[in-house]
N, C-alpha and C. Protein backbone atom coordinates (compact mmCIF):
# COMPACT_ATOMS: atom_id res chain seq x y z
N MET A 1 -5.16 48.35 14.11
CA MET A 1 -6.00 47.16 15.80
C MET A 1 -6.76 46.68 14.43
N PHE A 2 -7.20 46.47 14.73
CA PHE A 2 -8.62 45.34 14.47
C PHE A 2 -8.96 44.50 15.10
N PHE A 3 -10.29 44.75 15.25
CA PHE A 3 -11.56 43.00 16.01
C PHE A 3 -12.25 42.71 15.44
N VAL A 4 -12.08 41.31 15.83
CA VAL A 4 -12.83 40.34 14.05
C VAL A 4 -13.91 39.39 15.40
N VAL A 5 -14.80 39.57 14.34
CA VAL A 5 -15.24 38.87 15.21
C VAL A 5 -16.19 37.18 14.00
N ARG A 6 -16.23 35.95 14.92
CA ARG A 6 -17.10 34.84 13.97
C ARG A 6 -18.62 35.45 13.62
N VAL A 7 -19.25 34.92 12.29
CA VAL A 7 -20.11 35.21 12.50
C VAL A 7 -21.05 33.54 12.28
N ARG A 8 -20.20 33.18 11.70
CA ARG A 8 -20.89 31.86 10.74
C ARG A 8 -20.46 30.25 11.95
N GLY A 9 -20.96 29.08 11.64
CA GLY A 9 -20.55 28.61 11.83
C GLY A 9 -19.88 27.50 11.22
N THR A 10 -19.81 26.90 12.16
CA THR A 10 -18.80 25.27 11.40
C THR A 10 -19.10 24.33 9.78
N THR A 11 -20.67 23.98 10.21
CA THR A 11 -21.00 22.68 9.01
C THR A 11 -20.22 23.80 7.18
N GLY A 12 -19.70 22.84 6.80
CA GLY A 12 -18.92 22.71 5.65
C GLY A 12 -18.58 23.79 5.12
N VAL A 13 -17.21 24.02 6.18
CA VAL A 13 -16.46 25.10 6.20
C VAL A 13 -15.41 23.72 5.96
N LYS A 14 -14.50 24.01 5.17
CA LYS A 14 -14.17 23.82 3.86
C LYS A 14 -12.42 23.55 5.61
N LYS A 15 -11.46 22.72 5.10
CA LYS A 15 -10.19 22.28 5.68
C LYS A 15 -8.88 23.23 5.78
N ASP A 16 -8.73 23.71 4.89
CA ASP A 16 -7.85 25.33 5.37
C ASP A 16 -9.04 25.88 6.30
N VAL A 17 -9.05 26.77 5.57
CA VAL A 17 -10.94 27.75 6.61
C VAL A 17 -10.97 27.42 7.49
N ALA A 18 -11.09 26.31 8.14
CA ALA A 18 -11.08 26.12 9.54
C ALA A 18 -9.62 26.00 10.38
N ASN A 19 -9.05 25.81 9.93
CA ASN A 19 -7.76 26.05 9.95
C ASN A 19 -6.47 26.91 10.61
N THR A 20 -7.92 28.01 9.81
CA THR A 20 -7.07 29.28 9.63
C THR A 20 -7.79 30.30 11.13
N LEU A 21 -9.16 29.69 11.06
CA LEU A 21 -10.31 30.33 12.08
C LEU A 21 -9.41 29.71 13.53
N ASN A 22 -9.17 29.03 13.03
CA ASN A 22 -8.62 28.62 14.30
C ASN A 22 -7.09 29.17 15.09
N MET A 23 -6.68 29.09 14.52
CA MET A 23 -4.59 29.89 14.49
C MET A 23 -5.50 31.56 14.60
N LEU A 24 -6.94 32.18 14.05
CA LEU A 24 -7.47 32.51 15.06
C LEU A 24 -7.69 33.39 15.99
N ARG A 25 -7.78 31.46 16.85
CA ARG A 25 -8.27 31.41 17.99
C ARG A 25 -10.38 31.48 18.16
N LEU A 26 -10.52 31.81 16.52
CA LEU A 26 -12.11 31.93 16.82
C LEU A 26 -12.51 30.42 16.85
N ASN A 27 -13.30 29.91 17.73
CA ASN A 27 -13.45 29.05 17.55
C ASN A 27 -14.64 28.15 17.14
N LYS A 28 -15.83 29.90 17.68
CA LYS A 28 -17.52 29.80 18.37
C LYS A 28 -17.79 31.49 17.44
N ILE A 29 -18.85 31.11 17.25
CA ILE A 29 -18.98 32.43 17.02
C ILE A 29 -20.31 32.61 17.81
N ASN A 30 -19.69 34.09 17.44
CA ASN A 30 -19.36 35.66 18.39
C ASN A 30 -18.30 35.56 19.31
N HIS A 31 -17.47 34.71 19.07
CA HIS A 31 -16.37 34.81 19.66
C HIS A 31 -15.04 35.64 19.22
N GLY A 32 -14.28 36.84 19.76
CA GLY A 32 -13.47 37.84 19.08
C GLY A 32 -12.61 38.10 19.55
N VAL A 33 -11.23 38.44 18.43
CA VAL A 33 -10.45 38.44 19.43
C VAL A 33 -9.86 40.16 18.27
N ILE A 34 -8.93 40.41 19.31
CA ILE A 34 -7.59 41.38 18.26
C ILE A 34 -6.58 41.09 17.77
N ILE A 35 -6.28 41.92 16.30
CA ILE A 35 -5.97 41.04 16.28
C ILE A 35 -5.02 42.64 15.87
N GLN A 36 -3.35 42.46 15.04
CA GLN A 36 -2.44 43.18 14.65
C GLN A 36 -2.90 43.47 13.35
N ASN A 37 -2.83 44.99 12.44
CA ASN A 37 -2.53 44.91 11.25
C ASN A 37 -1.42 45.07 10.96
N ASN A 38 -1.33 43.82 9.91
CA ASN A 38 -0.21 43.66 9.67
C ASN A 38 -0.43 42.53 8.32
N PRO A 39 -0.01 42.51 7.20
CA PRO A 39 0.34 41.24 5.83
C PRO A 39 -0.36 39.86 5.83
N SER A 40 0.63 39.26 6.89
CA SER A 40 -0.03 38.02 8.04
C SER A 40 -1.59 37.79 7.68
N TYR A 41 -1.77 38.19 8.87
CA TYR A 41 -3.22 38.35 9.45
C TYR A 41 -4.17 39.59 8.58
N LYS A 42 -4.26 40.51 7.63
CA LYS A 42 -5.16 40.05 6.33
C LYS A 42 -4.55 39.43 5.35
N GLY A 43 -3.81 38.96 5.04
CA GLY A 43 -4.17 37.52 4.31
C GLY A 43 -4.71 36.53 5.01
N MET A 44 -4.95 36.46 6.26
CA MET A 44 -5.52 35.71 7.22
C MET A 44 -6.99 36.50 6.56
N LEU A 45 -7.37 37.19 7.01
CA LEU A 45 -8.25 37.59 7.30
C LEU A 45 -9.30 37.24 5.79
N GLN A 46 -8.29 37.64 4.70
CA GLN A 46 -9.73 37.05 3.51
C GLN A 46 -9.44 36.24 3.21
N LYS A 47 -8.65 36.03 3.31
CA LYS A 47 -8.86 33.60 3.63
C LYS A 47 -10.67 33.30 3.86
N VAL A 48 -10.80 33.66 5.21
CA VAL A 48 -11.41 33.38 6.74
C VAL A 48 -13.07 34.57 6.09
N LYS A 49 -13.13 35.53 4.83
CA LYS A 49 -13.72 35.82 5.06
C LYS A 49 -15.31 36.19 4.60
N ASP A 50 -15.49 35.27 4.13
CA ASP A 50 -17.60 34.29 4.53
C ASP A 50 -17.58 33.75 5.64
N TYR A 51 -17.15 33.93 6.45
CA TYR A 51 -17.43 34.05 7.72
C TYR A 51 -16.96 34.52 9.33
N ILE A 52 -16.96 35.75 9.03
CA ILE A 52 -16.11 36.75 9.93
C ILE A 52 -16.55 37.73 9.53
N THR A 53 -16.63 39.11 10.78
CA THR A 53 -16.37 40.27 9.97
C THR A 53 -15.44 41.23 10.88
N TRP A 54 -15.08 42.01 10.35
CA TRP A 54 -13.43 42.60 11.60
C TRP A 54 -13.91 44.61 11.00
N GLY A 55 -13.18 45.09 12.09
CA GLY A 55 -13.50 46.40 11.74
C GLY A 55 -12.12 47.39 12.63
N GLU A 56 -12.13 48.63 12.53
CA GLU A 56 -11.09 49.70 12.96
C GLU A 56 -11.99 49.41 14.69
N VAL A 57 -11.52 49.09 15.77
CA VAL A 57 -11.92 49.41 16.36
C VAL A 57 -11.79 51.24 17.61
N LYS A 58 -12.56 51.41 17.76
CA LYS A 58 -12.53 52.55 18.53
C LYS A 58 -11.56 52.60 20.56
N PRO A 59 -11.15 53.26 21.27
CA PRO A 59 -10.52 52.87 22.08
C PRO A 59 -11.84 52.69 23.30
N GLU A 60 -12.98 53.38 23.77
CA GLU A 60 -13.56 52.95 24.46
C GLU A 60 -14.48 52.25 23.67
N VAL A 61 -14.53 51.33 22.68
CA VAL A 61 -15.79 50.94 22.80
C VAL A 61 -14.44 49.10 22.90
N LEU A 62 -13.02 48.67 23.27
CA LEU A 62 -12.57 47.94 23.45
C LEU A 62 -12.62 48.76 25.11
N LYS A 63 -13.11 49.03 25.20
CA LYS A 63 -12.13 49.81 27.09
C LYS A 63 -13.80 48.74 26.96
N ASP A 64 -15.12 49.28 27.04
CA ASP A 64 -16.22 48.27 27.13
C ASP A 64 -16.26 47.30 27.12
N VAL A 65 -15.61 46.40 26.11
CA VAL A 65 -15.08 45.34 25.56
C VAL A 65 -14.49 44.09 26.58
N ILE A 66 -13.38 45.10 27.49
CA ILE A 66 -12.32 43.99 28.23
C ILE A 66 -13.06 44.43 29.45
N SER A 67 -13.42 45.55 29.56
CA SER A 67 -13.67 45.81 31.70
C SER A 67 -15.23 44.84 30.87
N LYS A 68 -16.40 44.31 30.83
CA LYS A 68 -17.09 44.24 31.25
C LYS A 68 -17.66 42.85 30.61
N ARG A 69 -16.59 42.25 29.21
CA ARG A 69 -16.10 40.47 28.90
C ARG A 69 -15.11 40.34 28.69
N GLY A 70 -13.90 40.45 29.16
CA GLY A 70 -12.28 40.09 29.18
C GLY A 70 -12.68 39.61 30.91
N LYS A 71 -12.24 38.12 30.64
CA LYS A 71 -11.45 37.23 31.66
C LYS A 71 -10.18 36.51 31.70
N LEU A 72 -9.76 36.78 32.82
CA LEU A 72 -7.94 36.27 33.06
C LEU A 72 -8.31 34.85 33.45
N ILE A 73 -6.92 34.32 32.83
CA ILE A 73 -6.91 32.69 33.04
C ILE A 73 -7.21 32.29 34.11
N GLY A 74 -8.32 31.50 34.24
CA GLY A 74 -9.23 30.06 35.33
C GLY A 74 -10.91 31.10 35.38
N ASN A 75 -11.18 32.29 34.41
CA ASN A 75 -12.21 32.66 34.46
C ASN A 75 -12.35 33.62 34.95
N ILE A 76 -11.33 34.35 35.46
CA ILE A 76 -12.21 35.40 36.43
C ILE A 76 -11.64 36.81 35.63
N ALA A 77 -13.10 37.91 35.81
CA ALA A 77 -12.82 39.15 34.90
C ALA A 77 -11.85 40.26 35.84
N ILE A 78 -12.44 40.95 34.49
CA ILE A 78 -10.59 41.47 35.16
C ILE A 78 -10.84 43.17 35.68
N THR A 79 -10.71 43.49 36.29
CA THR A 79 -11.45 45.00 37.17
C THR A 79 -9.80 45.82 37.46
N GLU A 80 -9.94 47.38 37.87
CA GLU A 80 -9.38 48.10 38.21
C GLU A 80 -8.40 47.02 38.88
N GLU A 81 -8.27 47.34 40.34
CA GLU A 81 -7.91 46.53 40.75
C GLU A 81 -6.77 45.78 40.63
N TYR A 82 -6.50 44.73 40.06
CA TYR A 82 -5.52 43.57 38.87
C TYR A 82 -5.14 43.97 38.28
N ILE A 83 -5.70 45.13 37.46
CA ILE A 83 -4.29 45.34 36.72
C ILE A 83 -3.42 46.82 37.14
N LYS A 84 -4.12 47.33 38.42
CA LYS A 84 -2.73 48.30 38.97
C LYS A 84 -2.29 47.28 39.28
N GLU A 85 -2.56 46.61 40.09
CA GLU A 85 -1.25 45.90 40.98
C GLU A 85 -0.52 44.85 39.73
N ASN A 86 -0.38 44.09 38.79
CA ASN A 86 0.02 43.24 38.06
C ASN A 86 0.00 44.13 36.97
N THR A 87 0.12 45.38 36.57
CA THR A 87 0.30 45.58 35.07
C THR A 87 1.56 47.45 35.00
N ASP A 88 2.03 48.16 34.46
CA ASP A 88 2.80 49.25 34.90
C ASP A 88 1.25 49.95 34.33
N CYS A 89 0.12 49.38 33.66
CA CYS A 89 -1.11 50.79 33.21
C CYS A 89 -1.69 50.90 35.48
N SER A 90 -2.51 52.27 35.30
CA SER A 90 -2.88 52.48 36.20
C SER A 90 -4.57 52.25 36.18
N SER A 91 -5.58 52.24 34.35
CA SER A 91 -6.50 52.05 34.63
C SER A 91 -6.95 51.09 33.68
N ILE A 92 -8.90 50.93 33.90
CA ILE A 92 -8.59 50.06 32.21
C ILE A 92 -8.51 50.44 30.40
N GLU A 93 -7.98 52.03 30.96
CA GLU A 93 -7.96 53.24 29.76
C GLU A 93 -6.34 52.74 29.09
N GLU A 94 -6.01 52.96 29.97
CA GLU A 94 -4.14 53.18 30.24
C GLU A 94 -4.23 51.71 29.02
N LEU A 95 -5.07 50.69 30.10
CA LEU A 95 -4.82 49.54 29.41
C LEU A 95 -4.83 49.33 27.96
N THR A 96 -6.16 49.81 27.52
CA THR A 96 -7.02 49.19 25.88
C THR A 96 -5.47 50.54 25.65
N ASP A 97 -4.90 51.66 25.58
CA ASP A 97 -4.01 52.68 24.67
C ASP A 97 -3.28 51.61 24.72
N ALA A 98 -2.45 50.99 25.48
CA ALA A 98 -0.98 49.74 25.62
C ALA A 98 -1.64 48.76 24.66
N LEU A 99 -2.24 48.15 24.38
CA LEU A 99 -3.38 46.81 23.27
C LEU A 99 -3.05 47.48 22.37
N LEU A 100 -3.97 48.81 22.36
CA LEU A 100 -4.01 49.47 20.65
C LEU A 100 -2.38 49.92 19.66
N ASN A 101 -1.59 50.88 20.53
CA ASN A 101 -0.64 50.44 20.34
C ASN A 101 0.67 49.83 20.12
N SER A 102 0.03 48.59 20.35
CA SER A 102 0.93 47.22 21.02
C SER A 102 1.90 47.18 21.30
N GLU A 103 1.88 48.24 22.45
CA GLU A 103 3.02 47.93 23.81
C GLU A 103 2.71 46.43 24.56
N ILE A 104 1.77 46.76 24.70
CA ILE A 104 1.81 45.12 25.34
C ILE A 104 1.13 44.19 24.47
N LYS A 105 1.21 42.87 25.26
CA LYS A 105 0.32 41.74 24.33
C LYS A 105 -0.54 41.14 25.46
N ALA A 106 -2.36 40.75 25.68
CA ALA A 106 -2.96 40.42 26.17
C ALA A 106 -2.36 38.79 27.64
N GLU A 107 -1.30 38.57 26.03
CA GLU A 107 -0.91 37.11 27.31
C GLU A 107 0.53 37.52 28.24
N ASP A 108 0.51 39.55 28.67
CA ASP A 108 1.06 39.26 28.97
C ASP A 108 0.72 39.06 30.22
N ILE A 109 -0.28 39.93 31.26
CA ILE A 109 -1.19 40.24 32.05
C ILE A 109 -2.16 39.29 32.66
N ASP A 110 -1.87 37.76 31.91
CA ASP A 110 -3.01 36.73 31.69
C ASP A 110 -4.49 37.03 31.11
N MET A 111 -4.65 37.81 30.58
CA MET A 111 -5.83 38.16 29.76
C MET A 111 -6.71 37.13 29.16
N LYS A 112 -7.11 36.68 28.84
CA LYS A 112 -7.56 35.99 27.81
C LYS A 112 -7.22 36.45 25.87
N PRO A 113 -6.94 35.61 25.23
CA PRO A 113 -7.29 36.44 24.19
C PRO A 113 -8.22 36.36 23.01
N VAL A 114 -9.65 35.80 23.29
CA VAL A 114 -10.56 35.83 22.86
C VAL A 114 -11.78 36.18 24.14
N PHE A 115 -12.94 37.43 23.58
CA PHE A 115 -13.85 37.75 24.02
C PHE A 115 -15.00 37.04 23.61
N ARG A 116 -16.19 35.47 25.05
CA ARG A 116 -17.07 35.14 24.32
C ARG A 116 -17.98 36.87 24.67
N LEU A 117 -18.95 36.70 23.46
CA LEU A 117 -19.67 37.78 22.98
C LEU A 117 -21.25 37.53 23.05
N HIS A 118 -22.15 38.40 23.60
CA HIS A 118 -23.34 38.03 23.00
C HIS A 118 -23.94 38.54 20.88
N PRO A 119 -24.64 37.62 21.19
CA PRO A 119 -25.03 37.38 19.54
C PRO A 119 -25.82 39.24 20.08
N PRO A 120 -25.89 39.79 19.25
CA PRO A 120 -26.23 41.19 18.98
C PRO A 120 -27.66 40.99 18.23
N ARG A 121 -28.10 42.29 19.66
CA ARG A 121 -28.75 42.96 19.60
C ARG A 121 -29.85 42.83 18.18
N LYS A 122 -30.94 42.68 18.35
CA LYS A 122 -31.34 42.97 16.52
C LYS A 122 -30.85 41.60 15.41
N GLY A 123 -30.14 41.06 15.48
CA GLY A 123 -29.67 39.80 15.40
C GLY A 123 -28.16 40.76 14.33
N TYR A 124 -28.51 39.33 13.44
CA TYR A 124 -26.71 40.24 12.69
C TYR A 124 -27.79 40.72 11.41
N GLU A 125 -27.31 41.24 10.32
CA GLU A 125 -27.75 41.83 9.34
C GLU A 125 -28.32 40.91 8.05
N GLY A 126 -27.75 39.84 7.75
CA GLY A 126 -27.25 38.44 7.13
C GLY A 126 -26.15 37.76 7.49
N VAL A 127 -26.42 36.56 7.08
CA VAL A 127 -25.09 35.96 7.61
C VAL A 127 -23.84 35.20 6.32
N ARG A 128 -25.38 35.52 5.21
CA ARG A 128 -24.32 35.03 3.89
C ARG A 128 -23.66 35.96 2.90
N GLN A 129 -23.77 37.30 3.09
CA GLN A 129 -23.83 38.39 2.08
C GLN A 129 -22.84 39.14 3.07
N SER A 130 -22.01 40.01 2.27
CA SER A 130 -20.28 40.92 2.56
C SER A 130 -21.58 42.27 2.77
N PHE A 131 -20.83 42.81 3.83
CA PHE A 131 -21.36 44.14 4.88
C PHE A 131 -21.07 45.47 3.90
N ASN A 132 -21.16 45.37 2.48
CA ASN A 132 -21.22 45.91 1.14
C ASN A 132 -22.34 45.89 1.01
N GLU A 133 -22.73 44.69 1.30
CA GLU A 133 -24.36 44.01 -0.52
C GLU A 133 -25.90 44.08 0.99
N GLY A 134 -25.27 44.33 1.82
CA GLY A 134 -26.34 45.03 3.51
C GLY A 134 -26.29 43.38 4.15
N GLY A 135 -25.38 42.30 4.51
CA GLY A 135 -25.13 41.73 4.99
C GLY A 135 -24.24 42.15 6.36
N SER A 136 -23.60 40.83 6.88
CA SER A 136 -22.71 41.16 7.56
C SER A 136 -20.92 40.21 8.46
N LEU A 137 -20.95 39.84 6.62
CA LEU A 137 -19.50 39.03 6.46
C LEU A 137 -18.43 40.27 5.96
N GLY A 138 -17.19 39.81 6.21
CA GLY A 138 -16.06 40.89 5.54
C GLY A 138 -15.50 41.88 6.57
N PHE A 139 -15.06 42.95 5.90
CA PHE A 139 -14.47 44.30 6.54
C PHE A 139 -15.78 44.96 6.28
N ARG A 140 -15.89 45.39 8.18
CA ARG A 140 -16.46 46.97 7.92
C ARG A 140 -16.37 48.20 8.19
N GLY A 141 -14.96 48.43 8.69
CA GLY A 141 -14.28 50.01 8.41
C GLY A 141 -14.35 49.65 10.48
N ASN A 142 -15.05 51.17 10.60
CA ASN A 142 -16.15 51.85 11.85
C ASN A 142 -16.74 50.89 12.59
N PHE A 143 -17.86 50.60 11.09
CA PHE A 143 -19.70 49.91 11.88
C PHE A 143 -19.36 48.98 12.51
N ILE A 144 -17.78 48.46 12.88
CA ILE A 144 -17.61 46.92 13.81
C ILE A 144 -18.01 47.64 14.78
N ASN A 145 -17.98 48.93 15.75
CA ASN A 145 -17.76 49.26 16.78
C ASN A 145 -19.97 49.24 17.18
N THR A 146 -20.41 49.82 16.00
CA THR A 146 -21.97 49.02 16.65
C THR A 146 -22.17 48.10 16.63
N LEU A 147 -21.55 47.68 15.77
CA LEU A 147 -21.76 45.82 16.04
C LEU A 147 -21.33 45.05 17.45
N LEU A 148 -20.08 45.84 17.63
CA LEU A 148 -18.98 45.55 19.71
C LEU A 148 -20.78 46.21 20.76
N LYS A 149 -21.35 46.83 20.32
CA LYS A 149 -21.99 47.89 21.73
C LYS A 149 -23.43 46.83 21.29
N ARG A 150 -23.69 46.67 20.07
CA ARG A 150 -25.07 45.54 20.89
C ARG A 150 -24.54 44.21 21.96
N MET A 151 -22.77 43.97 21.02
CA MET A 151 -22.47 42.67 20.89
C MET A 151 -22.66 42.18 22.78
N ILE A 152 -21.93 43.76 23.49
CA ILE A 152 -21.50 43.97 24.47
C ILE A 152 -22.85 43.26 25.58
């Protein structure tokens, strides 16, 4: 599973890139989504790599993101009680494991697929360079976890 975060805004975005960002549900800066690791999504990520950053998320970081920034339809925070009552999972940890193993989807439990994150503490490294060149764009592997911790 990849966690994808939009880093750059809408100014000067080509139409096909803007459509791909809309399909990924990344409509605003600092919005994040969880996506599957399959070829169709990888192609979409490569198309919009100049506007986003992504990487493999760890279960404990995803648990923090869901518990602190996850919302249900109606803009209601996700709680342990809601998960126990409305899903087969008994805690947020089990929910994150089920999401990472593709056993359930966010829509199945009425969770919004988009996480509205804070801007990262100490800012982005640079929004015009790739991660390999010292910036923030593109694939960052496990370093997405440190970025997410700064954005929660």
